[in-house]
Protein backbone atom coordinates (compact mmCIF):
# COMPACT_ATOMS: atom_id res chain seq x y z
CA MET A 1 -16.20 -4.26 -22.41
CA GLN A 2 -16.45 -4.31 -18.64
CA ILE A 3 -14.18 -4.19 -15.60
CA ILE A 4 -13.42 -7.32 -13.55
CA LEU A 5 -11.47 -7.07 -10.28
CA VAL A 6 -9.75 -9.77 -8.24
CA GLY A 7 -7.65 -8.80 -5.22
CA ALA A 8 -6.74 -9.03 -1.56
CA ASN A 9 -6.34 -6.22 0.95
CA HIS A 10 -5.48 -5.60 4.59
CA ARG A 11 -9.00 -6.56 5.69
CA SER A 12 -9.36 -9.76 3.69
CA CYS A 13 -5.83 -11.12 3.91
CA PRO A 14 -3.11 -11.31 6.64
CA ILE A 15 0.29 -9.77 6.00
CA ASP A 16 2.10 -13.12 5.74
CA VAL A 17 -0.03 -13.92 2.67
CA ARG A 18 -0.09 -10.36 1.26
CA GLU A 19 3.69 -10.20 1.20
CA ARG A 20 3.78 -13.37 -0.92
CA LEU A 21 1.23 -11.94 -3.36
CA ALA A 22 3.01 -8.57 -3.65
CA PHE A 23 4.61 -7.67 -6.97
CA ARG A 24 8.10 -6.18 -6.90
CA PRO A 25 8.79 -3.61 -9.66
CA GLU A 26 11.10 -5.97 -11.54
CA GLN A 27 8.36 -8.66 -11.60
CA LEU A 28 5.74 -6.49 -13.29
CA PRO A 29 6.93 -6.71 -16.94
CA GLY A 30 6.79 -10.51 -16.82
CA ALA A 31 3.47 -10.44 -14.98
CA TYR A 32 1.90 -8.25 -17.67
CA ARG A 33 3.17 -10.57 -20.40
CA MET A 34 1.57 -13.53 -18.60
CA LEU A 35 -1.73 -11.69 -18.11
CA GLN A 36 -1.88 -10.97 -21.82
CA ARG A 37 -0.53 -14.28 -23.13
CA ASP A 38 -1.65 -16.89 -20.57
CA VAL A 39 -4.72 -15.32 -18.94
CA GLY A 40 -5.89 -13.78 -22.21
CA LEU A 41 -6.58 -10.26 -20.98
CA PRO A 42 -6.79 -7.46 -23.58
CA GLU A 43 -6.55 -4.85 -20.78
CA ALA A 44 -5.10 -5.21 -17.28
CA LEU A 45 -3.73 -3.17 -14.39
CA ILE A 46 -1.86 -4.45 -11.32
CA LEU A 47 -2.05 -2.36 -8.14
CA SER A 48 0.38 -3.65 -5.50
CA THR A 49 0.88 -1.64 -2.29
CA CYS A 50 1.45 -2.40 1.39
CA ASN A 51 -2.34 -2.57 1.87
CA ARG A 52 -3.43 -4.47 -1.22
CA VAL A 53 -2.70 -6.54 -4.32
CA GLU A 54 -5.40 -6.07 -6.96
CA ILE A 55 -5.73 -6.87 -10.66
CA TYR A 56 -8.23 -4.94 -12.77
CA ALA A 57 -9.13 -6.49 -16.13
CA GLY A 58 -11.00 -4.99 -19.06
CA VAL A 59 -12.73 -7.82 -20.91
CA PRO A 60 -15.62 -8.19 -23.40
CA GLU A 61 -17.32 -10.81 -21.18
CA PRO A 62 -16.47 -12.25 -17.72
CA ASN A 63 -16.21 -15.87 -18.99
CA GLY A 64 -14.26 -17.18 -16.01
CA THR A 65 -11.86 -14.22 -15.85
CA ALA A 66 -12.05 -14.06 -12.04
CA ASP A 67 -11.14 -17.72 -11.69
CA ARG A 68 -8.19 -17.34 -14.06
CA LEU A 69 -6.95 -14.31 -12.12
CA SER A 70 -7.28 -16.21 -8.85
CA ALA A 71 -5.16 -19.01 -10.30
CA PHE A 72 -2.65 -16.46 -11.60
CA LEU A 73 -2.24 -14.91 -8.12
CA SER A 74 -1.94 -18.37 -6.59
CA ARG A 75 0.94 -19.26 -8.93
CA HIS A 76 2.62 -15.89 -8.46
CA GLY A 77 2.51 -16.04 -4.67
CA GLN A 78 3.10 -19.79 -4.51
CA VAL A 79 0.03 -20.13 -2.31
CA ASN A 80 -2.34 -23.09 -2.62
CA GLU A 81 -5.37 -21.89 -4.56
CA GLN A 82 -7.89 -23.36 -2.11
CA GLN A 83 -6.07 -21.75 0.82
CA LEU A 84 -5.90 -18.43 -1.01
CA LYS A 85 -9.52 -18.33 -2.13
CA PRO A 86 -10.98 -17.09 1.21
CA CYS A 87 -8.50 -14.17 1.14
CA LEU A 88 -9.61 -12.94 -2.29
CA TYR A 89 -12.53 -10.82 -3.40
CA ALA A 90 -13.81 -10.62 -6.96
CA TYR A 91 -16.17 -7.99 -8.39
CA THR A 92 -17.84 -7.29 -11.69
CA GLU A 93 -19.49 -3.98 -12.61
CA PRO A 94 -20.62 -1.77 -11.05
CA ARG A 95 -18.94 -3.03 -7.85
CA SER A 96 -15.52 -3.20 -9.49
CA VAL A 97 -15.75 0.43 -10.59
CA GLU A 98 -17.02 1.57 -7.18
CA HIS A 99 -14.10 -0.22 -5.54
CA LEU A 100 -11.48 1.38 -7.79
CA PHE A 101 -12.94 4.85 -7.21
CA SER A 102 -12.99 4.23 -3.44
CA VAL A 103 -9.40 3.01 -3.50
CA ALA A 104 -8.20 6.07 -5.43
CA SER A 105 -10.04 8.29 -2.94
CA GLY A 106 -8.39 6.72 0.11
CA LEU A 107 -11.71 5.27 1.33
CA ASP A 108 -10.52 1.66 1.23
CA SER A 109 -7.11 2.23 2.84
CA MET A 110 -6.03 1.17 6.30
CA VAL A 111 -5.47 4.86 7.01
CA LEU A 112 -8.65 6.55 5.83
CA GLY A 113 -7.84 9.34 3.37
CA GLU A 114 -4.16 8.37 3.04
CA ALA A 115 -2.11 10.63 0.80
CA GLU A 116 -0.01 7.98 -0.97
CA ILE A 117 -2.68 5.94 -2.72
CA LEU A 118 -3.62 8.44 -5.44
CA GLN A 119 -0.02 8.53 -6.68
CA GLN A 120 0.24 4.74 -6.41
CA VAL A 121 -2.83 4.27 -8.62
CA LYS A 122 -1.43 6.75 -11.14
CA GLN A 123 1.95 5.00 -11.24
CA ALA A 124 0.33 1.57 -11.61
CA TYR A 125 -1.76 2.87 -14.51
CA GLU A 126 1.24 4.44 -16.25
CA LEU A 127 3.18 1.19 -16.00
CA ALA A 128 0.27 -0.85 -17.41
CA ARG A 129 -0.07 1.67 -20.23
CA ASP A 130 3.66 1.52 -21.00
CA HIS A 131 3.34 -2.26 -21.35
CA GLY A 132 0.44 -1.93 -23.77
CA LEU A 133 -2.18 -3.37 -21.38
CA THR A 134 -4.57 -0.42 -21.29
CA GLY A 135 -7.20 0.38 -23.89
CA LYS A 136 -10.23 2.60 -24.10
CA MET A 137 -11.97 1.06 -21.08
CA LEU A 138 -9.10 1.14 -18.55
CA ASN A 139 -7.86 4.48 -19.85
CA VAL A 140 -11.18 6.11 -19.07
CA VAL A 141 -12.02 4.32 -15.82
CA VAL A 142 -8.61 5.04 -14.25
CA GLN A 143 -8.68 8.70 -15.30
CA LYS A 144 -12.16 9.02 -13.79
CA ALA A 145 -10.94 7.29 -10.61
CA LEU A 146 -8.01 9.72 -10.32
CA HIS A 147 -10.34 12.69 -10.82
CA THR A 148 -12.62 11.27 -8.12
CA GLY A 149 -9.71 10.93 -5.69
CA LYS A 150 -8.71 14.53 -6.30
CA ALA A 151 -12.30 15.71 -5.80
CA VAL A 152 -12.56 13.87 -2.48
CA ARG A 153 -9.33 15.43 -1.22
CA SER A 154 -10.26 18.95 -2.34
CA GLN A 155 -13.96 18.97 -1.44
CA THR A 156 -14.00 17.15 1.92
CA GLY A 157 -12.00 17.09 5.13
CA LEU A 158 -10.90 13.50 4.58
CA GLY A 159 -7.31 14.45 3.84
CA ARG A 160 -6.72 16.54 6.95
CA GLY A 161 -4.64 15.39 9.90
CA CYS A 162 -3.01 11.97 10.21
CA VAL A 163 -3.50 10.53 6.73
CA SER A 164 -0.57 8.24 5.95
CA ILE A 165 0.72 5.00 7.33
CA GLY A 166 4.01 6.78 7.99
CA THR A 167 2.35 9.43 10.14
CA VAL A 168 0.54 6.70 12.08
CA ALA A 169 3.94 5.08 12.66
CA VAL A 170 5.24 8.33 14.15
CA GLU A 171 2.20 8.53 16.39
CA LEU A 172 2.85 4.97 17.58
CA ALA A 173 6.45 5.91 18.43
CA GLN A 174 5.15 8.88 20.40
CA LYS A 175 2.83 6.66 22.42
CA ILE A 176 5.80 4.47 23.33
CA PHE A 177 8.47 7.12 23.97
CA GLY A 178 6.48 10.27 24.71
CA ARG A 179 8.44 13.26 23.40
CA LEU A 180 10.53 12.08 20.44
CA GLN A 181 12.99 14.99 20.37
CA PRO A 182 15.67 13.34 22.55
CA TYR A 183 15.75 10.13 20.51
CA THR A 184 17.64 9.01 17.41
CA VAL A 185 15.36 7.82 14.59
CA LEU A 186 16.39 5.79 11.55
CA LEU A 187 14.24 6.20 8.47
CA VAL A 188 14.98 3.29 6.14
CA GLY A 189 13.53 3.94 2.69
CA ALA A 190 13.24 7.28 0.91
CA GLY A 191 10.09 6.71 -1.14
CA LYS A 192 6.76 8.48 -0.72
CA ILE A 193 5.99 6.79 2.61
CA GLY A 194 9.46 7.68 3.88
CA GLU A 195 9.03 11.27 2.78
CA LEU A 196 5.70 11.68 4.57
CA THR A 197 7.14 10.03 7.67
CA LEU A 198 10.10 12.40 7.69
CA LYS A 199 7.80 15.38 7.29
CA ARG A 200 5.79 14.27 10.32
CA LEU A 201 8.97 13.76 12.35
CA ALA A 202 10.13 17.26 11.40
CA ASP A 203 6.73 18.68 12.38
CA ARG A 204 7.23 17.05 15.79
CA GLY A 205 10.59 18.77 16.20
CA VAL A 206 12.63 15.56 15.87
CA SER A 207 16.12 16.56 14.69
CA LYS A 208 18.18 13.40 15.15
CA VAL A 209 16.98 11.59 12.03
CA ARG A 210 19.16 9.48 9.74
CA VAL A 211 17.83 8.57 6.29
CA LEU A 212 19.07 5.32 4.74
CA ASN A 213 18.26 4.32 1.18
CA ARG A 214 19.67 2.11 -1.56
CA SER A 215 20.12 5.24 -3.68
CA ARG A 216 22.32 7.57 -1.64
CA GLU A 217 21.45 10.45 -3.96
CA ARG A 218 17.76 10.03 -3.18
CA ALA A 219 18.51 9.80 0.55
CA GLN A 220 20.58 13.00 0.38
CA ARG A 221 17.84 14.93 -1.44
CA LEU A 222 15.21 13.89 1.07
CA ALA A 223 17.41 14.42 4.13
CA ALA A 224 18.49 17.87 2.94
CA SER A 225 14.87 18.99 2.68
CA TYR A 226 14.30 18.38 6.41
CA GLY A 227 17.72 18.87 7.99
CA ALA A 228 18.32 15.14 8.46
CA CYS A 229 21.48 13.09 7.77
CA ALA A 230 21.79 10.75 4.77
CA MET A 231 23.48 7.37 5.19
CA GLU A 232 24.26 4.36 3.02
CA LEU A 233 21.80 1.48 3.34
CA GLU A 234 24.79 -0.80 3.87
CA SER A 235 25.40 0.96 7.19
CA LEU A 236 22.02 -0.15 8.60
CA ARG A 237 23.47 -2.63 11.09
CA GLU A 238 25.93 -0.04 12.39
CA GLN A 239 23.21 2.61 12.62
CA LEU A 240 20.93 0.26 14.56
CA ARG A 241 23.55 0.13 17.30
CA ASP A 242 22.89 3.79 18.15
CA ALA A 243 19.24 4.27 17.17
CA ASP A 244 16.23 4.24 19.47
CA ILE A 245 13.58 3.95 16.75
CA ALA A 246 13.76 2.59 13.21
CA ILE A 247 10.92 3.04 10.72
CA LEU A 248 11.41 0.86 7.63
CA SER A 249 9.47 1.24 4.38
CA THR A 250 11.51 -0.28 1.55
CA SER A 251 10.42 -2.60 -1.28
CA SER A 252 13.23 -5.07 -0.58
CA PRO A 253 12.14 -8.65 -1.42
CA GLU A 254 14.21 -9.96 1.52
CA ALA A 255 14.42 -8.95 5.16
CA LEU A 256 16.92 -6.16 5.80
CA VAL A 257 17.07 -6.96 9.51
CA THR A 258 17.22 -10.53 10.80
CA ARG A 259 16.71 -12.00 14.23
CA ALA A 260 20.33 -13.22 14.25
CA GLN A 261 21.65 -9.74 13.50
CA LEU A 262 19.64 -8.19 16.30
CA ALA A 263 20.56 -10.96 18.75
CA ALA A 264 24.23 -10.11 18.15
CA LEU A 265 23.56 -6.38 18.26
CA MET A 266 21.53 -6.04 21.46
CA PRO A 267 24.43 -6.82 23.88
CA LEU A 268 26.45 -4.07 22.15
CA ARG A 269 23.55 -1.72 22.88
CA ARG A 270 23.62 -2.85 26.55
CA GLN A 271 20.08 -4.11 25.97
CA ARG A 272 18.79 -0.56 25.48
CA PRO A 273 15.23 -0.84 24.06
CA LEU A 274 14.89 -0.73 20.27
CA CYS A 275 11.57 0.04 18.57
CA LEU A 276 11.22 -1.23 15.00
CA ILE A 277 8.19 -0.15 12.95
CA ASP A 278 8.13 -2.18 9.75
CA LEU A 279 5.90 -0.67 7.05
CA GLY A 280 7.27 -2.89 4.26
CA VAL A 281 5.27 -5.51 2.36
CA PRO A 282 7.13 -7.87 2.02
CA ARG A 283 8.33 -7.19 5.56
CA ASN A 284 11.74 -5.58 6.07
CA VAL A 285 12.34 -7.22 9.47
CA GLU A 286 12.12 -10.94 10.22
CA PRO A 287 8.90 -11.37 12.27
CA ASP A 288 10.54 -13.48 14.99
CA ALA A 289 13.01 -10.66 15.73
CA GLY A 290 10.28 -9.21 17.93
CA GLN A 291 10.70 -12.12 20.33
CA LEU A 292 14.09 -10.82 21.47
CA GLU A 293 14.31 -9.08 24.82
CA ASN A 294 13.97 -5.28 24.59
CA VAL A 295 13.15 -5.42 20.86
CA TYR A 296 9.68 -4.00 20.15
CA LEU A 297 8.61 -4.87 16.60
CA PHE A 298 5.43 -3.67 14.89
CA ASP A 299 4.37 -4.40 11.32
CA VAL A 300 1.86 -2.52 9.19
CA ASP A 301 -1.09 -4.59 10.42
CA ASP A 302 -0.24 -3.82 14.06
CA LEU A 303 -1.15 -0.17 13.51
CA GLN A 304 -4.86 -0.93 13.11
CA GLY A 305 -5.87 0.30 16.58
CA LEU A 306 -4.52 3.80 15.99
CA VAL A 307 -6.06 3.82 12.54
CA ASN A 308 -9.53 3.00 13.91
CA HIS A 309 -9.31 6.00 16.25
CA HIS A 310 -8.71 8.33 13.32
CA HIS A 311 -11.54 6.76 11.33
CA GLU A 312 -14.02 7.81 13.99
CA GLN A 313 -12.76 11.39 13.79
CA ARG A 314 -13.42 11.43 10.02
CA ARG A 315 -16.93 9.98 9.96
CA GLN A 316 -18.61 13.09 8.51
CA ALA A 317 -15.94 13.50 5.83
CA LEU A 318 -16.36 9.81 4.97
CA ASP A 319 -20.07 10.26 4.25
CA GLU A 320 -19.34 13.26 2.03
CA SER A 321 -16.59 11.35 0.22
CA GLN A 322 -18.79 8.32 -0.44
CA ALA A 323 -21.43 10.58 -1.98
CA ILE A 324 -18.81 11.97 -4.38
CA VAL A 325 -17.69 8.46 -5.30
CA GLN A 326 -21.25 7.32 -6.05
CA ARG A 327 -21.89 10.36 -8.23
CA LYS A 328 -18.65 9.83 -10.18
CA VAL A 329 -19.32 6.11 -10.61
CA GLY A 330 -22.75 6.97 -12.06
CA HIS A 331 -21.13 9.33 -14.57
CA PHE A 332 -18.65 6.66 -15.67
CA LEU A 333 -21.29 3.93 -16.03
CA ALA A 334 -23.49 6.25 -18.09
CA TRP A 335 -20.53 6.91 -20.40
CA ARG A 336 -19.74 3.18 -20.63
CA ASN A 337 -23.33 2.27 -21.47
CA ARG A 338 -23.42 4.91 -24.23
CA GLU A 339 -20.02 3.89 -25.59
CA PHE A 340 -20.44 0.10 -25.48
CA GLY A 341 -24.22 -0.16 -25.59
CA GLN A 342 -24.65 -2.43 -22.60
CA CYS A 343 -25.88 -2.28 -19.04
CA ILE A 344 -24.23 -4.57 -16.46
CA ALA A 345 -26.05 -5.63 -13.33
CA SER A 346 -24.20 -5.62 -10.03
CA SER A 347 -22.63 -8.99 -9.25
CA SER A 348 -19.69 -10.74 -7.60
CA SER A 349 -18.01 -14.05 -8.35
CA GLY A 350 -17.95 -16.99 -5.99
CA LEU A 351 -14.82 -15.62 -4.33
CA ALA A 352 -15.19 -13.83 -1.04
CA ALA A 353 -16.38 -10.25 -1.05
CA ALA A 354 -14.02 -7.66 0.38
CA PRO A 355 -15.07 -6.87 3.94
């Protein structure tokens, strides 16, 4: 058995393609059935986040697995396979294992050392396990990857400071508005990204925050923890009339805010500037809404400049983290070779390598 990986991330693939490849929670049961029945995978794990869509497969031999996974992603995203191919990377061992360990450690994220990814890998693994798509190989490799991620966070400085896409969004808002305390902020989405964003807003002394979520109970719990106000998601249009900044991070398959809605709303706001920071993949705001006067729209890929600044500040921690990853990968491969009696040379398929 060995690990094969096919995927696309924020470096290899633009957001307009990534959002088509993304898997919504309700799509995953059917996707796992297809991977088992149609692609013929005995073990598989789908990791779908705002930065990446990756499929890890545990197979006895490669035998065209990467090509079948590429075709599977093409059908799922309704993207022509030849057009999609340059966006994808495909790895066999040991590169596939190194990549998974780096992902779990936050080394492959847009925001180096981000806090969310470890939990996202764990949740993706638990879902694959619940659908019967994990066996001895994936069970061990994912557990080792999670242990590696924890070691990186506890033994290096990689996790200090601005380490989530939500906190980068708050920093962007600060660069635009300066002090955020006088402004009204909408936080749309009460998941992990929303929680980290709200924490950063609270740390900055921002008190006029309204939390909107499909589950009002979840919004109330999160808002109560930081002295914010909870609102129904259905009130989003009304709340946008008063807000100065909206940070959106929901998993909605359709845009929550359209250009037409904002075009009708802006005169009611007397053209007061509105900053929208869309962290959703698929996007929560129609991209052409940013063409409206006094509407300033940023999506997750627009934050790259701020992210690069923080990467430079973490260079030493990055070197330490990569050393931990290499050591942990060596331990896993030694176990695999003992357990399955084989040694796999490093290789990649004909698909593009991840940059």
